[in-house]
């Protein structure tokens, strides 16, 4: 057993077989994939990667498994699955999923685990089979799956603490040790459900609110939204302009894995800047120079007085953004690729009207939602904001065009 020093968890213990997984090309590639894409354009120290996050998730998952008294073979498979859970991430992490075809990063993860020769051999040396790891991902009735993918999973626990640390903010902090100590499990006759004991409700509340405030202050910061949307636009344009190989975007392609494993953030940016002209290059160059798009329009739905128009406008931003972008760009007389419509939405985790799944609290033999056992409830069920982004030099005409387009809706 060896140890790796980590700024979040102190010493992380890693076995020799686990180092075999870490030393594969597929895992080492994660050193070149930032956890939060270009969030460093607003929080300069947010440059940590999927590599150290994966080590952290393995450590947290192991602590959770031990607390719940899992058997050693279960913990072994759980640690391997936690370690490898992000190897399917594309350049710029979740940003790339907007352009990926025939699968998401979870599908790519399973593809690497079962089809990449070096990874399959490393898994074999660790005393496991690829299917043992995939089962943790796929069997959503098991407690191991809950530890890795649930409202209270090791992934969220690590990324909140790690992202807050690197951003230099306190919003993502919560009582980690109390949360782990009060973990519990509940079997409903079919599924094992990860939860906390009633005495852990305040630690769970701090965790849920930490996630909420990190979304408000970091993950959904408007400059982060601008940089992410610029990346999506640049990659889509690069795909259509032939800057990137088409196989990179198609999970079902026979050549997908070979090409995919060649790409990290830097490779994507270099290729995006490789052409002397083209719309993709212009946006990649703007990101490189931090010449970011600006907000030409910003409204919350409740700021739109007409109720019918409010509902219609939110629907357009949510479901018909490309058509809205086309209307605005035509009226403003600017290229359509230079107008981006984006709807920011953050659900209140303690609202009974919230549609997202939240962690559960075990009270006696029954499971209850967190908002049922705490007396803290912010007012709004959902916070939304509609944005239109464009280059600074086009801001005036785009802003004018938006007002005219809204009036015509």
Protein backbone atom coordinates (compact mmCIF):
# COMPACT_ATOMS: atom_id res chain seq x y z
CA UNK A 1 0.00 0.00 0.00
CA UNK A 2 1.28 3.45 -0.96
CA UNK A 3 -0.03 6.91 -0.12
CA UNK A 4 -0.61 10.03 -2.21
CA UNK A 5 -0.80 13.46 -0.55
CA UNK A 6 -4.04 15.26 -1.34
CA UNK A 7 -5.02 18.81 -0.29
CA UNK A 8 -8.60 17.74 0.47
CA UNK A 9 -8.31 14.34 2.17
CA UNK A 10 -4.73 14.31 3.42
CA UNK A 11 -3.16 10.94 2.64
CA UNK A 12 -5.00 8.72 0.14
CA UNK A 13 -4.02 5.06 0.32
CA UNK A 14 -3.56 3.28 -3.02
CA UNK A 15 -2.77 -0.42 -3.48
CA UNK A 16 -0.29 -1.75 -6.04
CA UNK A 17 -3.09 -3.23 -8.23
CA UNK A 18 -4.85 0.15 -8.17
CA UNK A 19 -1.66 1.81 -9.37
CA UNK A 20 -1.85 -0.51 -12.41
CA UNK A 21 -5.14 1.20 -13.29
CA UNK A 22 -3.75 4.67 -12.61
CA UNK A 23 -0.71 4.06 -14.82
CA UNK A 24 -2.78 3.32 -17.95
CA UNK A 25 -2.90 5.91 -20.73
CA UNK A 26 -6.68 6.21 -20.38
CA UNK A 27 -6.34 7.26 -16.74
CA UNK A 28 -3.23 9.45 -17.14
CA UNK A 29 -5.12 11.34 -19.85
CA UNK A 30 -7.32 12.77 -17.08
CA UNK A 31 -4.38 14.97 -16.01
CA UNK A 32 -5.14 17.04 -19.12
CA UNK A 33 -8.89 17.42 -18.55
CA UNK A 34 -9.88 20.21 -16.18
CA UNK A 35 -12.71 19.50 -13.79
CA UNK A 36 -14.60 22.67 -14.71
CA UNK A 37 -13.47 23.39 -18.29
CA UNK A 38 -12.53 27.11 -18.55
CA UNK A 39 -13.95 28.20 -15.19
CA UNK A 40 -10.42 29.50 -14.56
CA UNK A 41 -11.41 32.51 -16.69
CA UNK A 42 -13.43 33.74 -13.69
CA UNK A 43 -11.79 31.82 -10.80
CA UNK A 44 -8.10 31.68 -11.84
CA UNK A 45 -7.13 28.79 -9.52
CA UNK A 46 -9.90 26.48 -10.79
CA UNK A 47 -7.44 24.46 -12.86
CA UNK A 48 -7.61 21.13 -11.04
CA UNK A 49 -8.31 18.07 -13.15
CA UNK A 50 -10.38 14.92 -13.35
CA UNK A 51 -7.23 13.01 -12.31
CA UNK A 52 -7.05 14.15 -8.68
CA UNK A 53 -10.85 14.21 -8.41
CA UNK A 54 -10.93 10.52 -9.34
CA UNK A 55 -8.42 9.69 -6.59
CA UNK A 56 -10.56 11.65 -4.16
CA UNK A 57 -13.76 9.86 -5.15
CA UNK A 58 -12.06 6.51 -4.63
CA UNK A 59 -11.01 7.61 -1.12
CA UNK A 60 -14.48 8.91 -0.19
CA UNK A 61 -16.26 5.86 -1.64
CA UNK A 62 -13.97 3.60 0.38
CA UNK A 63 -14.73 5.52 3.58
CA UNK A 64 -18.45 5.26 2.88
CA UNK A 65 -18.19 1.54 2.16
CA UNK A 66 -16.34 0.89 5.40
CA UNK A 67 -18.85 2.92 7.39
CA UNK A 68 -21.69 0.85 5.92
CA UNK A 69 -19.73 -2.35 6.69
CA UNK A 70 -19.45 -3.61 3.11
CA UNK A 71 -17.52 -6.85 2.60
CA UNK A 72 -13.93 -6.59 1.37
CA UNK A 73 -14.68 -7.88 -2.19
CA UNK A 74 -17.44 -5.24 -2.48
CA UNK A 75 -15.10 -2.48 -1.35
CA UNK A 76 -12.43 -3.65 -3.81
CA UNK A 77 -14.83 -3.41 -6.77
CA UNK A 78 -16.27 -0.15 -5.43
CA UNK A 79 -12.82 1.46 -5.17
CA UNK A 80 -11.94 0.44 -8.74
CA UNK A 81 -15.26 1.74 -10.07
CA UNK A 82 -14.84 5.02 -8.15
CA UNK A 83 -11.31 5.40 -9.48
CA UNK A 84 -12.41 4.85 -13.09
CA UNK A 85 -15.80 6.56 -13.00
CA UNK A 86 -14.61 9.62 -15.00
CA UNK A 87 -12.24 8.08 -17.57
CA UNK A 88 -14.91 8.55 -20.23
CA UNK A 89 -14.88 12.33 -19.93
CA UNK A 90 -14.14 14.23 -23.11
CA UNK A 91 -12.08 17.41 -23.44
CA UNK A 92 -13.60 20.21 -21.35
CA UNK A 93 -15.56 17.64 -19.32
CA UNK A 94 -19.35 18.09 -19.43
CA UNK A 95 -19.15 20.82 -22.09
CA UNK A 96 -18.29 18.25 -24.76
CA UNK A 97 -21.39 16.18 -24.06
CA UNK A 98 -23.43 18.78 -25.94
CA UNK A 99 -21.80 17.59 -29.18
CA UNK A 100 -21.28 13.88 -28.44
CA UNK A 101 -23.40 11.47 -30.52
CA UNK A 102 -24.74 8.00 -29.66
CA UNK A 103 -23.71 8.10 -26.02
CA UNK A 104 -22.62 10.13 -23.01
CA UNK A 105 -19.46 10.04 -20.91
CA UNK A 106 -20.82 7.14 -18.84
CA UNK A 107 -21.10 5.05 -22.01
CA UNK A 108 -17.54 5.97 -22.97
CA UNK A 109 -16.33 4.98 -19.49
CA UNK A 110 -17.81 1.49 -19.87
CA UNK A 111 -16.43 1.26 -23.40
CA UNK A 112 -12.88 1.97 -22.18
CA UNK A 113 -13.21 -0.47 -19.26
CA UNK A 114 -14.41 -3.32 -21.49
CA UNK A 115 -12.67 -2.63 -24.83
CA UNK A 116 -9.36 -0.84 -24.21
CA UNK A 117 -6.72 -3.56 -24.16
CA UNK A 118 -4.35 -1.85 -21.73
CA UNK A 119 -7.19 -1.13 -19.30
CA UNK A 120 -8.63 -4.66 -19.50
CA UNK A 121 -5.19 -6.11 -18.70
CA UNK A 122 -4.70 -3.71 -15.77
CA UNK A 123 -8.11 -4.62 -14.35
CA UNK A 124 -7.19 -8.30 -14.63
CA UNK A 125 -3.95 -7.69 -12.70
CA UNK A 126 -6.01 -6.06 -9.93
CA UNK A 127 -7.92 -9.32 -9.42
CA UNK A 128 -11.15 -8.04 -10.98
CA UNK A 129 -12.97 -8.47 -14.27
CA UNK A 130 -14.25 -5.49 -16.29
CA UNK A 131 -17.78 -6.77 -15.67
CA UNK A 132 -17.27 -6.42 -11.89
CA UNK A 133 -16.70 -2.69 -12.33
CA UNK A 134 -19.44 -2.16 -14.90
CA UNK A 135 -21.88 -3.89 -12.55
CA UNK A 136 -21.29 -1.19 -9.93
CA UNK A 137 -22.29 1.42 -12.52
CA UNK A 138 -25.29 -0.50 -13.87
CA UNK A 139 -26.90 -2.23 -10.89
CA UNK A 140 -28.95 0.64 -9.49
CA UNK A 141 -30.46 -1.62 -6.82
CA UNK A 142 -27.13 -2.04 -4.99
CA UNK A 143 -25.61 0.05 -2.21
CA UNK A 144 -22.32 0.22 -4.16
CA UNK A 145 -24.15 1.95 -7.00
CA UNK A 146 -25.76 4.37 -4.52
CA UNK A 147 -22.34 5.24 -3.08
CA UNK A 148 -21.12 6.11 -6.56
CA UNK A 149 -24.26 7.59 -8.13
CA UNK A 150 -27.04 9.03 -5.97
CA UNK A 151 -28.04 12.37 -4.42
CA UNK A 152 -25.54 11.63 -1.63
CA UNK A 153 -22.66 10.05 -3.54
CA UNK A 154 -18.88 10.10 -3.21
CA UNK A 155 -18.59 12.02 -6.49
CA UNK A 156 -20.58 15.02 -5.19
CA UNK A 157 -18.89 14.93 -1.79
CA UNK A 158 -15.43 15.15 -3.35
CA UNK A 159 -16.16 17.67 -6.09
CA UNK A 160 -17.89 20.12 -3.75
CA UNK A 161 -14.98 20.14 -1.31
CA UNK A 162 -12.37 20.15 -4.08
CA UNK A 163 -14.01 22.79 -6.26
CA UNK A 164 -14.56 25.11 -3.28
CA UNK A 165 -10.93 24.69 -2.22
CA UNK A 166 -9.55 25.56 -5.66
CA UNK A 167 -12.03 28.37 -6.28
CA UNK A 168 -11.08 29.91 -2.95
CA UNK A 169 -14.69 30.06 -1.75
CA UNK A 170 -16.39 28.68 1.35
CA UNK A 171 -19.74 27.88 -0.26
CA UNK A 172 -18.88 24.22 -0.90
CA UNK A 173 -17.82 23.38 2.64
CA UNK A 174 -19.90 21.13 4.90
CA UNK A 175 -19.40 18.77 7.88
CA UNK A 176 -17.84 15.92 5.90
CA UNK A 177 -16.83 13.77 8.86
CA UNK A 178 -20.25 14.01 10.51
CA UNK A 179 -21.92 13.20 7.18
CA UNK A 180 -19.84 10.03 6.76
CA UNK A 181 -20.29 9.03 10.41
CA UNK A 182 -24.10 9.25 10.20
CA UNK A 183 -24.49 7.40 6.88
CA UNK A 184 -27.12 4.69 6.83
CA UNK A 185 -28.83 2.40 4.33
CA UNK A 186 -32.45 1.44 3.85
CA UNK A 187 -33.78 -1.54 1.93
CA UNK A 188 -37.25 -1.00 0.49
CA UNK A 189 -37.73 -4.61 -0.55
CA UNK A 190 -36.00 -4.16 -3.88
CA UNK A 191 -33.42 -1.36 -3.72
CA UNK A 192 -30.70 -0.43 -1.26
CA UNK A 193 -31.02 3.31 -0.64
CA UNK A 194 -28.18 5.44 0.73
CA UNK A 195 -29.35 7.90 3.39
CA UNK A 196 -28.34 9.46 6.70
CA UNK A 197 -29.58 8.63 10.17
CA UNK A 198 -31.90 11.22 11.74
CA UNK A 199 -29.03 12.53 13.88
CA UNK A 200 -27.17 13.41 10.68
CA UNK A 201 -29.83 15.69 9.25
CA UNK A 202 -27.91 18.92 9.97
CA UNK A 203 -24.79 17.55 8.28
CA UNK A 204 -26.95 16.51 5.33
CA UNK A 205 -28.55 19.96 5.22
CA UNK A 206 -25.11 21.59 5.12
CA UNK A 207 -24.17 19.29 2.22
CA UNK A 208 -27.34 20.06 0.24
CA UNK A 209 -27.00 23.81 0.77
CA UNK A 210 -23.30 23.66 -0.13
CA UNK A 211 -24.23 22.16 -3.49
CA UNK A 212 -26.95 24.78 -4.00
CA UNK A 213 -24.69 27.74 -3.25
CA UNK A 214 -21.85 26.35 -5.36
CA UNK A 215 -24.25 26.28 -8.29
CA UNK A 216 -25.29 29.86 -7.60
CA UNK A 217 -21.80 31.28 -7.08
CA UNK A 218 -19.46 29.05 -9.11
CA UNK A 219 -21.01 26.51 -11.48
CA UNK A 220 -23.64 28.91 -12.86
CA UNK A 221 -21.61 32.12 -12.65
CA UNK A 222 -22.41 34.09 -15.79
CA UNK A 223 -18.76 34.20 -16.96
CA UNK A 224 -18.59 30.41 -16.55
CA UNK A 225 -21.81 30.14 -18.56
CA UNK A 226 -20.31 32.37 -21.27
CA UNK A 227 -17.07 30.40 -21.55
CA UNK A 228 -18.91 27.05 -21.58
CA UNK A 229 -21.32 28.19 -24.27
CA UNK A 230 -18.48 29.66 -26.33
CA UNK A 231 -16.70 26.30 -26.14
CA UNK A 232 -19.81 24.41 -27.25
CA UNK A 233 -20.26 26.82 -30.16
CA UNK A 234 -16.58 26.62 -31.16
CA UNK A 235 -16.53 22.80 -31.04
CA UNK A 236 -19.75 22.53 -33.06
CA UNK A 237 -18.34 24.92 -35.66
CA UNK A 238 -15.04 23.03 -35.70
CA UNK A 239 -16.93 19.81 -36.26
CA UNK A 240 -18.86 21.25 -39.23
CA UNK A 241 -15.76 22.96 -40.65
CA UNK A 242 -13.71 19.74 -40.55
CA UNK A 243 -11.28 20.96 -37.89
CA UNK A 244 -11.82 17.82 -35.79
CA UNK A 245 -12.21 14.22 -37.01
CA UNK A 246 -15.87 13.20 -37.11
CA UNK A 247 -15.09 9.93 -35.32
CA UNK A 248 -14.23 11.95 -32.20
CA UNK A 249 -17.91 12.77 -31.73
CA UNK A 250 -19.52 9.41 -32.56
CA UNK A 251 -19.35 6.86 -29.72
CA UNK A 252 -20.55 4.13 -32.11
CA UNK A 253 -17.70 4.64 -34.58
CA UNK A 254 -15.14 1.77 -34.77
CA UNK A 255 -12.35 4.35 -34.53
CA UNK A 256 -13.91 6.34 -31.70
CA UNK A 257 -11.81 5.06 -28.78
CA UNK A 258 -8.49 5.33 -30.63
CA UNK A 259 -9.11 8.97 -31.55
CA UNK A 260 -10.89 9.86 -28.31
CA UNK A 261 -7.93 8.84 -26.14
CA UNK A 262 -5.65 11.19 -28.10
CA UNK A 263 -7.65 14.25 -27.03
CA UNK A 264 -7.50 16.33 -23.88
CA UNK A 265 -8.18 20.06 -23.32
CA UNK A 266 -4.87 21.24 -24.79
CA UNK A 267 -5.14 19.03 -27.89
CA UNK A 268 -8.67 20.33 -28.51
CA UNK A 269 -7.55 23.95 -28.19
CA UNK A 270 -4.48 23.42 -30.41
CA UNK A 271 -6.58 21.85 -33.14
CA UNK A 272 -9.18 24.60 -32.77
CA UNK A 273 -6.48 27.19 -33.37
CA UNK A 274 -4.74 25.26 -36.15
CA UNK A 275 -6.65 26.85 -39.04
CA UNK A 276 -5.73 30.32 -40.21
CA UNK A 277 -9.38 31.30 -40.55
CA UNK A 278 -12.90 30.10 -39.81
CA UNK A 279 -15.53 30.75 -37.15
CA UNK A 280 -14.27 27.98 -34.87
CA UNK A 281 -10.79 29.46 -34.84
CA UNK A 282 -12.14 32.94 -34.05
CA UNK A 283 -13.97 31.70 -30.97
CA UNK A 284 -11.08 29.51 -29.76
CA UNK A 285 -8.80 32.52 -30.22
CA UNK A 286 -11.20 34.72 -28.23
CA UNK A 287 -11.16 32.18 -25.39
CA UNK A 288 -7.36 32.03 -25.52
CA UNK A 289 -7.16 35.82 -25.18
CA UNK A 290 -10.08 36.02 -22.73
CA UNK A 291 -11.99 38.23 -25.15
CA UNK A 292 -15.26 36.77 -23.98
CA UNK A 293 -18.81 37.32 -25.17
CA UNK A 294 -20.83 39.73 -23.04
CA UNK A 295 -24.40 39.80 -21.77
CA UNK A 296 -26.55 41.61 -24.31
CA UNK A 297 -29.69 40.55 -22.43
CA UNK A 298 -30.40 39.30 -18.92
CA UNK A 299 -33.86 38.76 -17.45
CA UNK A 300 -35.48 36.48 -14.93
CA UNK A 301 -38.88 35.21 -16.10
CA UNK A 302 -40.67 37.09 -13.32
CA UNK A 303 -39.25 40.37 -14.67
CA UNK A 304 -41.36 39.90 -17.81
CA UNK A 305 -44.68 41.51 -16.84
CA UNK A 306 -46.94 39.89 -19.41
CA UNK A 307 -47.67 36.37 -18.08
CA UNK A 308 -48.33 34.82 -21.50
CA UNK A 309 -45.16 36.33 -22.95
CA UNK A 310 -43.19 35.27 -19.86
CA UNK A 311 -44.14 31.63 -20.36
CA UNK A 312 -43.50 31.76 -24.11
CA UNK A 313 -40.12 33.45 -23.75
CA UNK A 314 -38.88 30.92 -21.16
CA UNK A 315 -40.04 28.13 -23.46
CA UNK A 316 -38.11 29.61 -26.39
CA UNK A 317 -34.92 29.89 -24.35
CA UNK A 318 -35.34 26.33 -23.09
CA UNK A 319 -36.49 24.49 -26.21
CA UNK A 320 -36.03 26.70 -29.28
CA UNK A 321 -32.78 28.55 -28.62
CA UNK A 322 -31.31 28.02 -32.15
CA UNK A 323 -34.44 29.53 -33.74
CA UNK A 324 -34.35 32.46 -31.32
CA UNK A 325 -30.65 33.00 -32.06
CA UNK A 326 -31.42 33.03 -35.78
CA UNK A 327 -34.17 35.63 -35.35
CA UNK A 328 -31.98 37.87 -33.21
CA UNK A 329 -28.92 37.63 -35.48
CA UNK A 330 -31.00 38.34 -38.60
CA UNK A 331 -32.58 41.42 -37.07
CA UNK A 332 -29.22 42.60 -35.68
CA UNK A 333 -27.37 41.93 -38.94
CA UNK A 334 -24.66 39.82 -37.28
CA UNK A 335 -23.43 36.27 -38.00
CA UNK A 336 -25.75 33.70 -36.33
CA UNK A 337 -22.84 31.86 -34.69
CA UNK A 338 -22.06 35.03 -32.72
CA UNK A 339 -25.36 35.01 -30.79
CA UNK A 340 -25.91 32.53 -27.93
CA UNK A 341 -29.17 32.13 -25.99
CA UNK A 342 -28.90 30.38 -22.64
CA UNK A 343 -31.37 29.61 -19.85
CA UNK A 344 -29.85 29.27 -16.41
CA UNK A 345 -31.93 27.14 -14.02
CA UNK A 346 -31.16 26.20 -10.41
CA UNK A 347 -33.68 24.20 -8.39
CA UNK A 348 -34.18 24.91 -4.71
CA UNK A 349 -33.20 21.65 -2.96
CA UNK A 350 -35.61 22.21 -0.05
CA UNK A 351 -38.75 23.04 -1.99
CA UNK A 352 -41.52 20.42 -2.13
CA UNK A 353 -42.13 21.61 -5.70
CA UNK A 354 -38.60 20.70 -6.71
CA UNK A 355 -38.45 17.94 -9.33
CA UNK A 356 -34.86 16.86 -8.66
CA UNK A 357 -34.07 13.92 -6.42
CA UNK A 358 -32.60 14.86 -3.05
CA UNK A 359 -30.89 12.82 -0.27
CA UNK A 360 -33.08 11.02 2.24
CA UNK A 361 -33.10 10.86 6.04
CA UNK A 362 -33.92 7.64 7.93
CA UNK A 363 -36.23 8.32 10.85
CA UNK A 364 -36.95 5.09 12.72
CA UNK A 365 -37.69 2.56 9.99
CA UNK A 366 -38.97 5.11 7.50
CA UNK A 367 -37.32 7.33 4.89
CA UNK A 368 -38.22 11.01 4.77
CA UNK A 369 -37.25 13.84 2.43
CA UNK A 370 -34.90 16.41 3.95
CA UNK A 371 -37.45 19.22 3.62
CA UNK A 372 -39.80 17.15 5.82
CA UNK A 373 -37.40 17.09 8.77
CA UNK A 374 -35.88 20.59 8.70
CA UNK A 375 -37.58 23.95 9.15
CA UNK A 376 -35.43 25.77 6.62
CA UNK A 377 -37.05 26.51 3.29
CA UNK A 378 -36.01 29.34 0.92
CA UNK A 379 -38.93 30.96 -0.88
CA UNK A 380 -38.48 30.15 -4.55
CA UNK A 381 -38.80 26.62 -5.93
CA UNK A 382 -36.60 27.47 -8.92
CA UNK A 383 -34.26 30.28 -9.86
CA UNK A 384 -34.04 31.01 -13.58
CA UNK A 385 -32.35 33.64 -15.71
CA UNK A 386 -32.46 34.11 -19.48
CA UNK A 387 -29.23 35.29 -21.12
CA UNK A 388 -28.16 36.29 -24.61
CA UNK A 389 -24.39 36.45 -25.14
CA UNK A 390 -22.49 38.01 -28.04
CA UNK A 391 -19.10 39.63 -28.81
CA UNK A 392 -18.67 43.05 -27.15
CA UNK A 393 -18.55 44.90 -30.49
CA UNK A 394 -22.00 43.56 -31.40
CA UNK A 395 -23.64 44.16 -28.04
CA UNK A 396 -25.62 47.31 -28.88
CA UNK A 397 -27.24 46.00 -32.05
CA UNK A 398 -27.93 42.58 -30.49
CA UNK A 399 -29.55 44.18 -27.43
CA UNK A 400 -31.76 46.29 -29.67
CA UNK A 401 -32.66 43.25 -31.80
CA UNK A 402 -33.63 41.20 -28.73
CA UNK A 403 -36.12 43.82 -27.58
CA UNK A 404 -37.70 43.86 -31.05
CA UNK A 405 -37.82 40.05 -31.25
CA UNK A 406 -39.43 39.78 -27.81
CA UNK A 407 -42.04 42.35 -28.81
CA UNK A 408 -42.91 40.21 -31.86
CA UNK A 409 -43.34 36.97 -29.92
